[in-house]
PDB file of N, CA and C in Angstrom:
ATOM      1  N   MET A   1     119.727  50.044 172.694  1.00  0.00           N
ATOM      2  CA  MET A   1     118.354  49.633 172.466  1.00  0.00           C
ATOM      3  C   MET A   1     118.348  48.317 171.683  1.00  0.00           C
ATOM      4  N   LEU A   2     117.377  47.498 171.973  1.00  0.00           N
ATOM      5  CA  LEU A   2     117.264  46.221 171.286  1.00  0.00           C
ATOM      6  C   LEU A   2     116.823  46.418 169.837  1.00  0.00           C
ATOM      7  N   GLN A   3     117.055  45.387 169.032  1.00  0.00           N
ATOM      8  CA  GLN A   3     116.710  45.449 167.615  1.00  0.00           C
ATOM      9  C   GLN A   3     115.468  44.656 167.259  1.00  0.00           C
ATOM     10  N   GLN A   4     115.168  43.635 168.072  1.00  0.00           N
ATOM     11  CA  GLN A   4     114.018  42.804 167.722  1.00  0.00           C
ATOM     12  C   GLN A   4     113.387  42.179 168.956  1.00  0.00           C
ATOM     13  N   ILE A   5     112.137  41.804 168.787  1.00  0.00           N
ATOM     14  CA  ILE A   5     111.395  41.038 169.785  1.00  0.00           C
ATOM     15  C   ILE A   5     111.035  39.717 169.123  1.00  0.00           C
ATOM     16  N   LEU A   6     111.336  38.634 169.822  1.00  0.00           N
ATOM     17  CA  LEU A   6     111.061  37.304 169.297  1.00  0.00           C
ATOM     18  C   LEU A   6     110.059  36.608 170.205  1.00  0.00           C
ATOM     19  N   LEU A   7     108.936  36.203 169.641  1.00  0.00           N
ATOM     20  CA  LEU A   7     107.872  35.517 170.372  1.00  0.00           C
ATOM     21  C   LEU A   7     108.162  34.025 170.317  1.00  0.00           C
ATOM     22  N   VAL A   8     108.448  33.430 171.470  1.00  0.00           N
ATOM     23  CA  VAL A   8     108.977  32.066 171.524  1.00  0.00           C
ATOM     24  C   VAL A   8     107.948  31.089 172.084  1.00  0.00           C
ATOM     25  N   GLY A   9     107.534  30.130 171.251  1.00  0.00           N
ATOM     26  CA  GLY A   9     106.718  29.022 171.710  1.00  0.00           C
ATOM     27  C   GLY A   9     105.256  29.317 171.954  1.00  0.00           C
ATOM     28  N   HIS A  10     104.695  30.268 171.218  1.00  0.00           N
ATOM     29  CA  HIS A  10     103.282  30.624 171.378  1.00  0.00           C
ATOM     30  C   HIS A  10     102.449  30.000 170.258  1.00  0.00           C
ATOM     31  N   CYS A  11     101.178  29.752 170.540  1.00  0.00           N
ATOM     32  CA  CYS A  11     100.262  29.246 169.518  1.00  0.00           C
ATOM     33  C   CYS A  11      99.928  30.372 168.532  1.00  0.00           C
ATOM     34  N   VAL A  12      99.324  30.025 167.416  1.00  0.00           N
ATOM     35  CA  VAL A  12      99.032  30.996 166.357  1.00  0.00           C
ATOM     36  C   VAL A  12      98.186  32.172 166.857  1.00  0.00           C
ATOM     37  N   PRO A  13      97.066  31.948 167.575  1.00  0.00           N
ATOM     38  CA  PRO A  13      96.282  33.101 168.037  1.00  0.00           C
ATOM     39  C   PRO A  13      97.067  34.015 168.986  1.00  0.00           C
ATOM     40  N   ASP A  14      97.859  33.414 169.880  1.00  0.00           N
ATOM     41  CA  ASP A  14      98.648  34.235 170.802  1.00  0.00           C
ATOM     42  C   ASP A  14      99.763  34.970 170.065  1.00  0.00           C
ATOM     43  N   ASN A  15     100.387  34.312 169.088  1.00  0.00           N
ATOM     44  CA  ASN A  15     101.395  34.996 168.271  1.00  0.00           C
ATOM     45  C   ASN A  15     100.794  36.225 167.608  1.00  0.00           C
ATOM     46  N   PHE A  16      99.603  36.078 167.053  1.00  0.00           N
ATOM     47  CA  PHE A  16      98.939  37.200 166.387  1.00  0.00           C
ATOM     48  C   PHE A  16      98.685  38.340 167.370  1.00  0.00           C
ATOM     49  N   MET A  17      98.133  38.007 168.542  1.00  0.00           N
ATOM     50  CA  MET A  17      97.821  39.018 169.551  1.00  0.00           C
ATOM     51  C   MET A  17      99.090  39.711 170.046  1.00  0.00           C
ATOM     52  N   LEU A  18     100.108  38.928 170.383  1.00  0.00           N
ATOM     53  CA  LEU A  18     101.354  39.496 170.899  1.00  0.00           C
ATOM     54  C   LEU A  18     102.084  40.312 169.833  1.00  0.00           C
ATOM     55  N   LYS A  19     102.130  39.797 168.615  1.00  0.00           N
ATOM     56  CA  LYS A  19     102.818  40.515 167.540  1.00  0.00           C
ATOM     57  C   LYS A  19     102.130  41.845 167.248  1.00  0.00           C
ATOM     58  N   SER A  20     100.813  41.850 167.252  1.00  0.00           N
ATOM     59  CA  SER A  20     100.072  43.097 167.030  1.00  0.00           C
ATOM     60  C   SER A  20     100.397  44.124 168.105  1.00  0.00           C
ATOM     61  N   LYS A  21     100.389  43.688 169.357  1.00  0.00           N
ATOM     62  CA  LYS A  21     100.649  44.606 170.468  1.00  0.00           C
ATOM     63  C   LYS A  21     102.091  45.098 170.452  1.00  0.00           C
ATOM     64  N   MET A  22     103.047  44.203 170.218  1.00  0.00           N
ATOM     65  CA  MET A  22     104.459  44.603 170.200  1.00  0.00           C
ATOM     66  C   MET A  22     104.743  45.552 169.043  1.00  0.00           C
ATOM     67  N   SER A  23     104.152  45.292 167.885  1.00  0.00           N
ATOM     68  CA  SER A  23     104.340  46.172 166.729  1.00  0.00           C
ATOM     69  C   SER A  23     103.740  47.544 166.978  1.00  0.00           C
ATOM     70  N   GLN A  24     102.640  47.584 167.711  1.00  0.00           N
ATOM     71  CA  GLN A  24     102.012  48.857 168.066  1.00  0.00           C
ATOM     72  C   GLN A  24     102.894  49.633 169.041  1.00  0.00           C
ATOM     73  N   LEU A  25     103.432  48.955 170.049  1.00  0.00           N
ATOM     74  CA  LEU A  25     104.264  49.620 171.059  1.00  0.00           C
ATOM     75  C   LEU A  25     105.636  50.006 170.525  1.00  0.00           C
ATOM     76  N   PHE A  26     106.190  49.176 169.635  1.00  0.00           N
ATOM     77  CA  PHE A  26     107.560  49.364 169.156  1.00  0.00           C
ATOM     78  C   PHE A  26     107.616  49.273 167.629  1.00  0.00           C
ATOM     79  N   PRO A  27     107.103  50.289 166.939  1.00  0.00           N
ATOM     80  CA  PRO A  27     107.023  50.218 165.478  1.00  0.00           C
ATOM     81  C   PRO A  27     108.381  50.148 164.781  1.00  0.00           C
ATOM     82  N   ASP A  28     109.456  50.550 165.451  1.00  0.00           N
ATOM     83  CA  ASP A  28     110.779  50.534 164.833  1.00  0.00           C
ATOM     84  C   ASP A  28     111.528  49.219 165.033  1.00  0.00           C
ATOM     85  N   LEU A  29     110.955  48.297 165.806  1.00  0.00           N
ATOM     86  CA  LEU A  29     111.607  47.017 166.053  1.00  0.00           C
ATOM     87  C   LEU A  29     111.009  45.930 165.169  1.00  0.00           C
ATOM     88  N   THR A  30     111.828  44.960 164.832  1.00  0.00           N
ATOM     89  CA  THR A  30     111.346  43.761 164.160  1.00  0.00           C
ATOM     90  C   THR A  30     110.668  42.882 165.203  1.00  0.00           C
ATOM     91  N   VAL A  31     109.482  42.397 164.910  1.00  0.00           N
ATOM     92  CA  VAL A  31     108.778  41.457 165.792  1.00  0.00           C
ATOM     93  C   VAL A  31     108.558  40.187 164.983  1.00  0.00           C
ATOM     94  N   ASP A  32     109.098  39.081 165.502  1.00  0.00           N
ATOM     95  CA  ASP A  32     109.028  37.825 164.760  1.00  0.00           C
ATOM     96  C   ASP A  32     108.596  36.702 165.696  1.00  0.00           C
ATOM     97  N   THR A  33     108.230  35.574 165.118  1.00  0.00           N
ATOM     98  CA  THR A  33     107.803  34.411 165.893  1.00  0.00           C
ATOM     99  C   THR A  33     108.813  33.286 165.734  1.00  0.00           C
ATOM    100  N   CYS A  34     108.778  32.371 166.691  1.00  0.00           N
ATOM    101  CA  CYS A  34     109.717  31.260 166.698  1.00  0.00           C
ATOM    102  C   CYS A  34     109.057  30.071 167.376  1.00  0.00           C
ATOM    103  N   ASN A  35     108.980  28.948 166.671  1.00  0.00           N
ATOM    104  CA  ASN A  35     108.356  27.761 167.248  1.00  0.00           C
ATOM    105  C   ASN A  35     109.223  26.511 167.123  1.00  0.00           C
ATOM    106  N   SER A  36     110.545  26.715 167.067  1.00  0.00           N
ATOM    107  CA  SER A  36     111.461  25.573 167.085  1.00  0.00           C
ATOM    108  C   SER A  36     112.809  26.007 167.651  1.00  0.00           C
ATOM    109  N   GLN A  37     113.539  25.040 168.169  1.00  0.00           N
ATOM    110  CA  GLN A  37     114.864  25.310 168.718  1.00  0.00           C
ATOM    111  C   GLN A  37     115.797  25.852 167.632  1.00  0.00           C
ATOM    112  N   ALA A  38     115.736  25.259 166.450  1.00  0.00           N
ATOM    113  CA  ALA A  38     116.595  25.703 165.348  1.00  0.00           C
ATOM    114  C   ALA A  38     116.287  27.145 164.958  1.00  0.00           C
ATOM    115  N   ASP A  39     115.015  27.479 164.893  1.00  0.00           N
ATOM    116  CA  ASP A  39     114.592  28.838 164.563  1.00  0.00           C
ATOM    117  C   ASP A  39     115.060  29.820 165.637  1.00  0.00           C
ATOM    118  N   LEU A  40     114.941  29.422 166.886  1.00  0.00           N
ATOM    119  CA  LEU A  40     115.382  30.262 168.001  1.00  0.00           C
ATOM    120  C   LEU A  40     116.872  30.552 167.887  1.00  0.00           C
ATOM    121  N   GLU A  41     117.660  29.530 167.637  1.00  0.00           N
ATOM    122  CA  GLU A  41     119.108  29.702 167.528  1.00  0.00           C
ATOM    123  C   GLU A  41     119.482  30.570 166.333  1.00  0.00           C
ATOM    124  N   ALA A  42     118.736  30.464 165.251  1.00  0.00           N
ATOM    125  CA  ALA A  42     119.023  31.250 164.050  1.00  0.00           C
ATOM    126  C   ALA A  42     118.630  32.719 164.201  1.00  0.00           C
ATOM    127  N   LYS A  43     117.564  32.986 164.935  1.00  0.00           N
ATOM    128  CA  LYS A  43     117.013  34.342 164.984  1.00  0.00           C
ATOM    129  C   LYS A  43     117.444  35.176 166.186  1.00  0.00           C
ATOM    130  N   SER A  44     117.819  34.549 167.298  1.00  0.00           N
ATOM    131  CA  SER A  44     118.078  35.337 168.509  1.00  0.00           C
ATOM    132  C   SER A  44     119.545  35.711 168.638  1.00  0.00           C
ATOM    133  N   ASN A  45     119.764  36.845 169.282  1.00  0.00           N
ATOM    134  CA  ASN A  45     121.111  37.309 169.600  1.00  0.00           C
ATOM    135  C   ASN A  45     121.017  38.227 170.815  1.00  0.00           C
ATOM    136  N   ALA A  46     122.122  38.830 171.195  1.00  0.00           N
ATOM    137  CA  ALA A  46     122.157  39.660 172.397  1.00  0.00           C
ATOM    138  C   ALA A  46     121.305  40.922 172.268  1.00  0.00           C
ATOM    139  N   ARG A  47     120.890  41.287 171.063  1.00  0.00           N
ATOM    140  CA  ARG A  47     120.068  42.487 170.839  1.00  0.00           C
ATOM    141  C   ARG A  47     118.591  42.131 170.661  1.00  0.00           C
ATOM    142  N   THR A  48     118.206  40.987 171.216  1.00  0.00           N
ATOM    143  CA  THR A  48     116.845  40.475 171.078  1.00  0.00           C
ATOM    144  C   THR A  48     116.179  40.378 172.441  1.00  0.00           C
ATOM    145  N   LEU A  49     114.899  40.692 172.493  1.00  0.00           N
ATOM    146  CA  LEU A  49     114.075  40.408 173.667  1.00  0.00           C
ATOM    147  C   LEU A  49     113.220  39.199 173.321  1.00  0.00           C
ATOM    148  N   LEU A  50     113.384  38.127 174.098  1.00  0.00           N
ATOM    149  CA  LEU A  50     112.567  36.936 173.912  1.00  0.00           C
ATOM    150  C   LEU A  50     111.371  37.000 174.842  1.00  0.00           C
ATOM    151  N   LEU A  51     110.177  36.840 174.305  1.00  0.00           N
ATOM    152  CA  LEU A  51     108.957  36.717 175.098  1.00  0.00           C
ATOM    153  C   LEU A  51     108.574  35.240 175.045  1.00  0.00           C
ATOM    154  N   VAL A  52     108.910  34.522 176.118  1.00  0.00           N
ATOM    155  CA  VAL A  52     108.862  33.062 176.143  1.00  0.00           C
ATOM    156  C   VAL A  52     107.582  32.572 176.815  1.00  0.00           C
ATOM    157  N   ASN A  53     106.864  31.703 176.131  1.00  0.00           N
ATOM    158  CA  ASN A  53     105.654  31.105 176.685  1.00  0.00           C
ATOM    159  C   ASN A  53     106.021  30.131 177.808  1.00  0.00           C
ATOM    160  N   ARG A  54     105.172  30.017 178.811  1.00  0.00           N
ATOM    161  CA  ARG A  54     105.430  29.105 179.934  1.00  0.00           C
ATOM    162  C   ARG A  54     105.439  27.657 179.468  1.00  0.00           C
ATOM    163  N   ILE A  55     104.472  27.284 178.665  1.00  0.00           N
ATOM    164  CA  ILE A  55     104.414  25.956 178.051  1.00  0.00           C
ATOM    165  C   ILE A  55     104.673  26.159 176.561  1.00  0.00           C
ATOM    166  N   LEU A  56     105.786  25.642 176.084  1.00  0.00           N
ATOM    167  CA  LEU A  56     106.212  25.919 174.719  1.00  0.00           C
ATOM    168  C   LEU A  56     105.396  25.149 173.690  1.00  0.00           C
ATOM    169  N   ASP A  57     104.935  25.864 172.678  1.00  0.00           N
ATOM    170  CA  ASP A  57     104.233  25.281 171.543  1.00  0.00           C
ATOM    171  C   ASP A  57     105.235  25.201 170.400  1.00  0.00           C
ATOM    172  N   GLY A  58     105.547  24.009 169.965  1.00  0.00           N
ATOM    173  CA  GLY A  58     106.514  23.867 168.887  1.00  0.00           C
ATOM    174  C   GLY A  58     107.530  22.795 169.201  1.00  0.00           C
ATOM    175  N   MET A  59     108.644  22.855 168.494  1.00  0.00           N
ATOM    176  CA  MET A  59     109.675  21.824 168.601  1.00  0.00           C
ATOM    177  C   MET A  59     110.931  22.398 169.255  1.00  0.00           C
ATOM    178  N   PHE A  60     110.959  22.345 170.567  1.00  0.00           N
ATOM    179  CA  PHE A  60     112.089  22.838 171.344  1.00  0.00           C
ATOM    180  C   PHE A  60     112.750  21.682 172.082  1.00  0.00           C
ATOM    181  N   ASP A  61     113.934  21.937 172.629  1.00  0.00           N
ATOM    182  CA  ASP A  61     114.652  20.913 173.390  1.00  0.00           C
ATOM    183  C   ASP A  61     114.000  20.636 174.739  1.00  0.00           C
ATOM    184  N   THR A  62     113.051  21.444 175.125  1.00  0.00           N
ATOM    185  CA  THR A  62     112.338  21.301 176.387  1.00  0.00           C
ATOM    186  C   THR A  62     110.889  21.728 176.185  1.00  0.00           C
ATOM    187  N   GLU A  63     109.993  21.289 177.047  1.00  0.00           N
ATOM    188  CA  GLU A  63     108.585  21.691 176.935  1.00  0.00           C
ATOM    189  C   GLU A  63     108.283  22.954 177.722  1.00  0.00           C
ATOM    190  N   GLY A  64     109.157  23.309 178.653  1.00  0.00           N
ATOM    191  CA  GLY A  64     108.873  24.425 179.536  1.00  0.00           C
ATOM    192  C   GLY A  64     109.693  25.664 179.242  1.00  0.00           C
ATOM    193  N   GLY A  65     109.015  26.802 179.253  1.00  0.00           N
ATOM    194  CA  GLY A  65     109.684  28.071 179.012  1.00  0.00           C
ATOM    195  C   GLY A  65     110.694  28.435 180.085  1.00  0.00           C
ATOM    196  N   ILE A  66     110.413  28.085 181.333  1.00  0.00           N
ATOM    197  CA  ILE A  66     111.340  28.407 182.420  1.00  0.00           C
ATOM    198  C   ILE A  66     112.652  27.654 182.226  1.00  0.00           C
ATOM    199  N   GLU A  67     112.558  26.388 181.884  1.00  0.00           N
ATOM    200  CA  GLU A  67     113.769  25.595 181.637  1.00  0.00           C
ATOM    201  C   GLU A  67     114.548  26.155 180.445  1.00  0.00           C
ATOM    202  N   LEU A  68     113.847  26.553 179.400  1.00  0.00           N
ATOM    203  CA  LEU A  68     114.503  27.140 178.233  1.00  0.00           C
ATOM    204  C   LEU A  68     115.229  28.425 178.623  1.00  0.00           C
ATOM    205  N   ILE A  69     114.579  29.269 179.395  1.00  0.00           N
ATOM    206  CA  ILE A  69     115.205  30.509 179.860  1.00  0.00           C
ATOM    207  C   ILE A  69     116.475  30.194 180.642  1.00  0.00           C
ATOM    208  N   GLY A  70     116.395  29.227 181.549  1.00  0.00           N
ATOM    209  CA  GLY A  70     117.558  28.851 182.344  1.00  0.00           C
ATOM    210  C   GLY A  70     118.729  28.402 181.486  1.00  0.00           C
ATOM    211  N   LYS A  71     118.453  27.620 180.454  1.00  0.00           N
ATOM    212  CA  LYS A  71     119.514  27.151 179.555  1.00  0.00           C
ATOM    213  C   LYS A  71     120.117  28.313 178.774  1.00  0.00           C
ATOM    214  N   LEU A  72     119.269  29.171 178.229  1.00  0.00           N
ATOM    215  CA  LEU A  72     119.758  30.293 177.428  1.00  0.00           C
ATOM    216  C   LEU A  72     120.530  31.299 178.274  1.00  0.00           C
ATOM    217  N   ALA A  73     120.122  31.486 179.520  1.00  0.00           N
ATOM    218  CA  ALA A  73     120.752  32.472 180.405  1.00  0.00           C
ATOM    219  C   ALA A  73     122.197  32.115 180.732  1.00  0.00           C
ATOM    220  N   GLN A  74     122.591  30.878 180.532  1.00  0.00           N
ATOM    221  CA  GLN A  74     123.959  30.454 180.836  1.00  0.00           C
ATOM    222  C   GLN A  74     124.980  30.985 179.832  1.00  0.00           C
ATOM    223  N   SER A  75     124.526  31.432 178.696  1.00  0.00           N
ATOM    224  CA  SER A  75     125.416  31.948 177.658  1.00  0.00           C
ATOM    225  C   SER A  75     125.880  33.358 178.004  1.00  0.00           C
ATOM    226  N   SER A  76     127.126  33.671 177.663  1.00  0.00           N
ATOM    227  CA  SER A  76     127.660  35.008 177.941  1.00  0.00           C
ATOM    228  C   SER A  76     126.988  36.082 177.087  1.00  0.00           C
ATOM    229  N   ASP A  77     126.437  35.706 175.951  1.00  0.00           N
ATOM    230  CA  ASP A  77     125.741  36.671 175.095  1.00  0.00           C
ATOM    231  C   ASP A  77     124.241  36.373 175.023  1.00  0.00           C
ATOM    232  N   ALA A  78     123.695  35.978 176.154  1.00  0.00           N
ATOM    233  CA  ALA A  78     122.275  35.618 176.221  1.00  0.00           C
ATOM    234  C   ALA A  78     121.393  36.818 175.895  1.00  0.00           C
ATOM    235  N   PRO A  79     120.308  36.575 175.186  1.00  0.00           N
ATOM    236  CA  PRO A  79     119.345  37.655 174.953  1.00  0.00           C
ATOM    237  C   PRO A  79     118.591  37.969 176.239  1.00  0.00           C
ATOM    238  N   GLN A  80     117.929  39.108 176.263  1.00  0.00           N
ATOM    239  CA  GLN A  80     117.035  39.407 177.375  1.00  0.00           C
ATOM    240  C   GLN A  80     115.780  38.568 177.184  1.00  0.00           C
ATOM    241  N   MET A  81     115.221  38.125 178.299  1.00  0.00           N
ATOM    242  CA  MET A  81     114.079  37.215 178.224  1.00  0.00           C
ATOM    243  C   MET A  81     113.030  37.603 179.255  1.00  0.00           C
ATOM    244  N   MET A  82     111.781  37.432 178.878  1.00  0.00           N
ATOM    245  CA  MET A  82     110.647  37.600 179.778  1.00  0.00           C
ATOM    246  C   MET A  82     109.733  36.396 179.590  1.00  0.00           C
ATOM    247  N   LEU A  83     109.196  35.896 180.698  1.00  0.00           N
ATOM    248  CA  LEU A  83     108.234  34.802 180.640  1.00  0.00           C
ATOM    249  C   LEU A  83     106.837  35.375 180.465  1.00  0.00           C
ATOM    250  N   ILE A  84     106.053  34.754 179.601  1.00  0.00           N
ATOM    251  CA  ILE A  84     104.651  35.121 179.444  1.00  0.00           C
ATOM    252  C   ILE A  84     103.834  34.086 180.211  1.00  0.00           C
ATOM    253  N   SER A  85     103.330  34.498 181.371  1.00  0.00           N
ATOM    254  CA  SER A  85     102.543  33.607 182.230  1.00  0.00           C
ATOM    255  C   SER A  85     101.760  34.436 183.229  1.00  0.00           C
ATOM    256  N   ASN A  86     100.534  34.011 183.505  1.00  0.00           N
ATOM    257  CA  ASN A  86      99.709  34.673 184.517  1.00  0.00           C
ATOM    258  C   ASN A  86     100.032  34.204 185.931  1.00  0.00           C
ATOM    259  N   PHE A  87     100.899  33.204 186.077  1.00  0.00           N
ATOM    260  CA  PHE A  87     101.194  32.621 187.387  1.00  0.00           C
ATOM    261  C   PHE A  87     102.391  33.302 188.039  1.00  0.00           C
ATOM    262  N   ALA A  88     102.165  33.912 189.212  1.00  0.00           N
ATOM    263  CA  ALA A  88     103.229  34.620 189.934  1.00  0.00           C
ATOM    264  C   ALA A  88     104.389  33.689 190.279  1.00  0.00           C
ATOM    265  N   GLU A  89     104.085  32.460 190.661  1.00  0.00           N
ATOM    266  CA  GLU A  89     105.138  31.503 191.010  1.00  0.00           C
ATOM    267  C   GLU A  89     106.035  31.219 189.802  1.00  0.00           C
ATOM    268  N   SER A  90     105.439  31.101 188.639  1.00  0.00           N
ATOM    269  CA  SER A  90     106.222  30.865 187.419  1.00  0.00           C
ATOM    270  C   SER A  90     107.085  32.073 187.087  1.00  0.00           C
ATOM    271  N   GLN A  91     106.546  33.267 187.265  1.00  0.00           N
ATOM    272  CA  GLN A  91     107.328  34.483 187.032  1.00  0.00           C
ATOM    273  C   GLN A  91     108.549  34.513 187.949  1.00  0.00           C
ATOM    274  N   GLU A  92     108.340  34.184 189.209  1.00  0.00           N
ATOM    275  CA  GLU A  92     109.432  34.171 190.182  1.00  0.00           C
ATOM    276  C   GLU A  92     110.497  33.147 189.783  1.00  0.00           C
ATOM    277  N   GLN A  93     110.069  31.972 189.368  1.00  0.00           N
ATOM    278  CA  GLN A  93     111.016  30.938 188.935  1.00  0.00           C
ATOM    279  C   GLN A  93     111.816  31.413 187.724  1.00  0.00           C
ATOM    280  N   ALA A  94     111.157  32.059 186.789  1.00  0.00           N
ATOM    281  CA  ALA A  94     111.842  32.546 185.589  1.00  0.00           C
ATOM    282  C   ALA A  94     112.880  33.608 185.940  1.00  0.00           C
ATOM    283  N   VAL A  95     112.529  34.514 186.827  1.00  0.00           N
ATOM    284  CA  VAL A  95     113.478  35.544 187.262  1.00  0.00           C
ATOM    285  C   VAL A  95     114.678  34.885 187.943  1.00  0.00           C
ATOM    286  N   ASN A  96     114.424  33.866 188.740  1.00  0.00           N
ATOM    287  CA  ASN A  96     115.503  33.178 189.453  1.00  0.00           C
ATOM    288  C   ASN A  96     116.486  32.472 188.521  1.00  0.00           C
ATOM    289  N   VAL A  97     116.057  32.125 187.316  1.00  0.00           N
ATOM    290  CA  VAL A  97     116.966  31.458 186.377  1.00  0.00           C
ATOM    291  C   VAL A  97     117.498  32.392 185.288  1.00  0.00           C
ATOM    292  N   GLY A  98     117.143  33.689 185.343  1.00  0.00           N
ATOM    293  CA  GLY A  98     117.762  34.635 184.427  1.00  0.00           C
ATOM    294  C   GLY A  98     116.865  35.551 183.624  1.00  0.00           C
ATOM    295  N   ALA A  99     115.563  35.476 183.812  1.00  0.00           N
ATOM    296  CA  ALA A  99     114.648  36.335 183.049  1.00  0.00           C
ATOM    297  C   ALA A  99     114.430  37.672 183.749  1.00  0.00           C
ATOM    298  N   LEU A 100     113.985  38.641 182.990  1.00  0.00           N
ATOM    299  CA  LEU A 100     113.426  39.862 183.554  1.00  0.00           C
ATOM    300  C   LEU A 100     112.010  39.523 184.005  1.00  0.00           C
ATOM    301  N   MET A 101     111.445  40.309 184.901  1.00  0.00           N
ATOM    302  CA  MET A 101     110.064  40.065 185.320  1.00  0.00           C
ATOM    303  C   MET A 101     109.155  40.202 184.108  1.00  0.00           C
ATOM    304  N   GLY A 102     108.376  39.163 183.853  1.00  0.00           N
ATOM    305  CA  GLY A 102     107.487  39.140 182.706  1.00  0.00           C
ATOM    306  C   GLY A 102     106.066  39.531 183.064  1.00  0.00           C
ATOM    307  N   PHE A 103     105.123  38.991 182.318  1.00  0.00           N
ATOM    308  CA  PHE A 103     103.719  39.358 182.492  1.00  0.00           C
ATOM    309  C   PHE A 103     102.846  38.250 181.923  1.00  0.00           C
ATOM    310  N   GLY A 104     101.583  38.300 182.267  1.00  0.00           N
ATOM    311  CA  GLY A 104     100.613  37.353 181.738  1.00  0.00           C
ATOM    312  C   GLY A 104      99.845  37.956 180.580  1.00  0.00           C
ATOM    313  N   LYS A 105      99.273  37.117 179.765  1.00  0.00           N
ATOM    314  CA  LYS A 105      98.497  37.597 178.622  1.00  0.00           C
ATOM    315  C   LYS A 105      97.309  38.435 179.070  1.00  0.00           C
ATOM    316  N   SER A 106      96.783  38.137 180.251  1.00  0.00           N
ATOM    317  CA  SER A 106      95.653  38.917 180.762  1.00  0.00           C
ATOM    318  C   SER A 106      96.066  40.338 181.142  1.00  0.00           C
ATOM    319  N   GLU A 107      97.367  40.588 181.251  1.00  0.00           N
ATOM    320  CA  GLU A 107      97.880  41.916 181.621  1.00  0.00           C
ATOM    321  C   GLU A 107      98.389  42.696 180.412  1.00  0.00           C
ATOM    322  N   MET A 108      98.155  42.185 179.214  1.00  0.00           N
ATOM    323  CA  MET A 108      98.731  42.776 178.004  1.00  0.00           C
ATOM    324  C   MET A 108      98.489  44.269 177.846  1.00  0.00           C
ATOM    325  N   GLY A 109      97.327  44.747 178.146  1.00  0.00           N
ATOM    326  CA  GLY A 109      97.027  46.153 177.916  1.00  0.00           C
ATOM    327  C   GLY A 109      97.341  47.075 179.072  1.00  0.00           C
ATOM    328  N   SER A 110      97.907  46.549 180.147  1.00  0.00           N
ATOM    329  CA  SER A 110      98.120  47.380 181.339  1.00  0.00           C
ATOM    330  C   SER A 110      99.333  48.290 181.184  1.00  0.00           C
ATOM    331  N   GLN A 111      99.291  49.400 181.882  1.00  0.00           N
ATOM    332  CA  GLN A 111     100.409  50.343 181.871  1.00  0.00           C
ATOM    333  C   GLN A 111     101.659  49.709 182.468  1.00  0.00           C
ATOM    334  N   ASP A 112     101.487  48.893 183.508  1.00  0.00           N
ATOM    335  CA  ASP A 112     102.621  48.216 184.140  1.00  0.00           C
ATOM    336  C   ASP A 112     103.346  47.316 183.138  1.00  0.00           C
ATOM    337  N   THR A 113     102.600  46.578 182.354  1.00  0.00           N
ATOM    338  CA  THR A 113     103.207  45.698 181.352  1.00  0.00           C
ATOM    339  C   THR A 113     103.927  46.512 180.286  1.00  0.00           C
ATOM    340  N   GLU A 114     103.309  47.573 179.816  1.00  0.00           N
ATOM    341  CA  GLU A 114     103.958  48.423 178.818  1.00  0.00           C
ATOM    342  C   GLU A 114     105.238  49.024 179.373  1.00  0.00           C
ATOM    343  N   ASP A 115     105.233  49.425 180.643  1.00  0.00           N
ATOM    344  CA  ASP A 115     106.438  49.967 181.279  1.00  0.00           C
ATOM    345  C   ASP A 115     107.541  48.917 181.356  1.00  0.00           C
ATOM    346  N   LYS A 116     107.192  47.687 181.732  1.00  0.00           N
ATOM    347  CA  LYS A 116     108.181  46.594 181.784  1.00  0.00           C
ATOM    348  C   LYS A 116     108.804  46.374 180.409  1.00  0.00           C
ATOM    349  N   LEU A 117     107.967  46.352 179.395  1.00  0.00           N
ATOM    350  CA  LEU A 117     108.457  46.120 178.042  1.00  0.00           C
ATOM    351  C   LEU A 117     109.362  47.258 177.575  1.00  0.00           C
ATOM    352  N   ARG A 118     108.971  48.496 177.832  1.00  0.00           N
ATOM    353  CA  ARG A 118     109.799  49.638 177.425  1.00  0.00           C
ATOM    354  C   ARG A 118     111.163  49.600 178.112  1.00  0.00           C
ATOM    355  N   LYS A 119     111.174  49.292 179.407  1.00  0.00           N
ATOM    356  CA  LYS A 119     112.447  49.196 180.132  1.00  0.00           C
ATOM    357  C   LYS A 119     113.325  48.104 179.540  1.00  0.00           C
ATOM    358  N   ALA A 120     112.735  46.979 179.201  1.00  0.00           N
ATOM    359  CA  ALA A 120     113.507  45.874 178.617  1.00  0.00           C
ATOM    360  C   ALA A 120     114.073  46.261 177.254  1.00  0.00           C
ATOM    361  N   VAL A 121     113.279  46.889 176.427  1.00  0.00           N
ATOM    362  CA  VAL A 121     113.703  47.262 175.081  1.00  0.00           C
ATOM    363  C   VAL A 121     114.781  48.344 175.123  1.00  0.00           C
ATOM    364  N   GLU A 122     114.705  49.246 176.084  1.00  0.00           N
ATOM    365  CA  GLU A 122     115.651  50.359 176.153  1.00  0.00           C
ATOM    366  C   GLU A 122     116.956  50.008 176.848  1.00  0.00           C
ATOM    367  N   ARG A 123     117.048  48.821 177.435  1.00  0.00           N
ATOM    368  CA  ARG A 123     118.287  48.398 178.101  1.00  0.00           C
ATOM    369  C   ARG A 123     119.399  48.211 177.083  1.00  0.00           C
ATOM    370  N   ASP A 124     120.606  48.443 177.544  1.00  0.00           N
ATOM    371  CA  ASP A 124     121.788  48.176 176.687  1.00  0.00           C
ATOM    372  C   ASP A 124     122.464  46.906 177.098  1.00  0.00           C
TER     373      ASP A 124
END
């Protein structure tokens, strides 16, 4: 089971919304935010689920979440990653570069999204 969920590249209101929901679903996990490349490197590890914004807010080596996922996925100890986007095409691109199927913010309360998150958190 994973140890933490890291919210990557989200604005303050979205961080609040996502952190509240993740803490509600997974009270035993650490849920933290990250808005810089340095912070991401310091906080993430193989026991982390990254919830990556499609357009990154903050100071990263790239502006796009899909590109960031692709770079991180090349590591042998890459964390699990999901893209946060309402666009099906973006979800497909993220999966093609190494992410698990993610979800859009508009789907936050759905059973399907909760099931995806539980499966990701329970993976070894």
